[in-house]
Structure formats: structure tokens, C-alpha cells
C-alpha atoms as a PDB file:
ATOM      1  CA  UNK A   1      42.518  -1.060  15.745  1.00  0.00           C
ATOM      2  CA  UNK A   2      39.452  -2.745  14.347  1.00  0.00           C
ATOM      3  CA  UNK A   3      39.594  -5.480  17.012  1.00  0.00           C
ATOM      4  CA  UNK A   4      39.577  -2.930  19.832  1.00  0.00           C
ATOM      5  CA  UNK A   5      42.848  -4.316  21.190  1.00  0.00           C
ATOM      6  CA  UNK A   6      45.613  -1.921  22.089  1.00  0.00           C
ATOM      7  CA  UNK A   7      48.248  -4.235  23.637  1.00  0.00           C
ATOM      8  CA  UNK A   8      49.836  -7.350  22.181  1.00  0.00           C
ATOM      9  CA  UNK A   9      52.180 -10.008  23.563  1.00  0.00           C
ATOM     10  CA  UNK A  10      54.559 -10.731  20.678  1.00  0.00           C
ATOM     11  CA  UNK A  11      57.566 -12.718  19.587  1.00  0.00           C
ATOM     12  CA  UNK A  12      59.703 -11.356  16.764  1.00  0.00           C
ATOM     13  CA  UNK A  13      63.024 -12.956  15.876  1.00  0.00           C
ATOM     14  CA  UNK A  14      64.635 -13.440  19.308  1.00  0.00           C
ATOM     15  CA  UNK A  15      62.609 -10.652  20.902  1.00  0.00           C
ATOM     16  CA  UNK A  16      59.664 -11.210  23.223  1.00  0.00           C
ATOM     17  CA  UNK A  17      57.479  -8.720  25.022  1.00  0.00           C
ATOM     18  CA  UNK A  18      54.456  -6.485  25.207  1.00  0.00           C
ATOM     19  CA  UNK A  19      53.829  -3.862  22.533  1.00  0.00           C
ATOM     20  CA  UNK A  20      51.070  -1.263  22.548  1.00  0.00           C
ATOM     21  CA  UNK A  21      49.283   0.892  19.998  1.00  0.00           C
ATOM     22  CA  UNK A  22      50.295   4.526  20.436  1.00  0.00           C
ATOM     23  CA  UNK A  23      47.132   6.426  19.524  1.00  0.00           C
ATOM     24  CA  UNK A  24      48.983   9.752  19.750  1.00  0.00           C
ATOM     25  CA  UNK A  25      51.590   8.746  17.147  1.00  0.00           C
ATOM     26  CA  UNK A  26      51.828  11.018  14.119  1.00  0.00           C
ATOM     27  CA  UNK A  27      53.610   8.390  11.991  1.00  0.00           C
ATOM     28  CA  UNK A  28      51.668   7.259   8.923  1.00  0.00           C
ATOM     29  CA  UNK A  29      53.331   3.845   8.802  1.00  0.00           C
ATOM     30  CA  UNK A  30      53.418   0.774  11.008  1.00  0.00           C
ATOM     31  CA  UNK A  31      56.513   0.356  13.186  1.00  0.00           C
ATOM     32  CA  UNK A  32      57.568  -1.553  16.293  1.00  0.00           C
ATOM     33  CA  UNK A  33      60.026  -0.156  18.832  1.00  0.00           C
ATOM     34  CA  UNK A  34      62.193  -2.854  20.411  1.00  0.00           C
ATOM     35  CA  UNK A  35      63.954  -2.372  23.742  1.00  0.00           C
ATOM     36  CA  UNK A  36      67.267  -4.166  24.388  1.00  0.00           C
ATOM     37  CA  UNK A  37      65.675  -5.972  27.364  1.00  0.00           C
ATOM     38  CA  UNK A  38      63.238  -7.688  24.980  1.00  0.00           C
ATOM     39  CA  UNK A  39      66.074  -9.682  23.351  1.00  0.00           C
ATOM     40  CA  UNK A  40      65.930 -13.248  24.673  1.00  0.00           C
ATOM     41  CA  UNK A  41      68.070 -15.058  22.062  1.00  0.00           C
ATOM     42  CA  UNK A  42      69.668 -14.463  18.651  1.00  0.00           C
ATOM     43  CA  UNK A  43      67.538 -15.397  15.613  1.00  0.00           C
ATOM     44  CA  UNK A  44      67.301 -14.579  11.911  1.00  0.00           C
ATOM     45  CA  UNK A  45      63.602 -15.555  11.712  1.00  0.00           C
ATOM     46  CA  UNK A  46      61.695 -12.257  11.565  1.00  0.00           C
ATOM     47  CA  UNK A  47      58.242 -13.849  11.628  1.00  0.00           C
ATOM     48  CA  UNK A  48      55.923 -11.813  13.873  1.00  0.00           C
ATOM     49  CA  UNK A  49      53.962 -14.062  16.243  1.00  0.00           C
ATOM     50  CA  UNK A  50      51.140 -12.658  18.368  1.00  0.00           C
ATOM     51  CA  UNK A  51      50.854 -14.752  21.519  1.00  0.00           C
ATOM     52  CA  UNK A  52      48.003 -12.840  23.172  1.00  0.00           C
ATOM     53  CA  UNK A  53      46.131  -9.548  22.958  1.00  0.00           C
ATOM     54  CA  UNK A  54      44.310  -7.260  25.334  1.00  0.00           C
ATOM     55  CA  UNK A  55      40.653  -7.968  25.965  1.00  0.00           C
ATOM     56  CA  UNK A  56      37.947  -5.841  27.560  1.00  0.00           C
ATOM     57  CA  UNK A  57      37.540  -6.462  31.279  1.00  0.00           C
ATOM     58  CA  UNK A  58      34.441  -8.348  32.428  1.00  0.00           C
ATOM     59  CA  UNK A  59      34.292  -6.106  35.514  1.00  0.00           C
ATOM     60  CA  UNK A  60      31.521  -3.523  35.395  1.00  0.00           C
END
């Protein structure tokens, strides 16, 4: 991605969890795989909220 981030903490409908960018994917379109364990509550609001994203470590 242009930001350099590869992992995102998201909320989508009633789902919550960590999603990553799969650099080896051969799909040409954007998609999100949701695991059943990510379902926290039922919701019809499919707004994608990014709560946090990966950042480079300050350790050298």
C-alpha cells in the first residue's frame, strides 16, 4: 500500500479484528475475508472503520 502499512485493525458491520494485506494474492480486486470468530454482534451497518494500522518499529 502507499502508506507502507500491511495490517489494519477494523470494524465492519458487527465484525471486529485484524486484517492484513496479502502481497502474494493474485486477485485483481479488493476483498476482505471474515472469520466467524470476528463476529461480535449483529449489524446492518456495513461502514468500514479503521481503528489502527501497522507502523514501522522504532527499534533499530
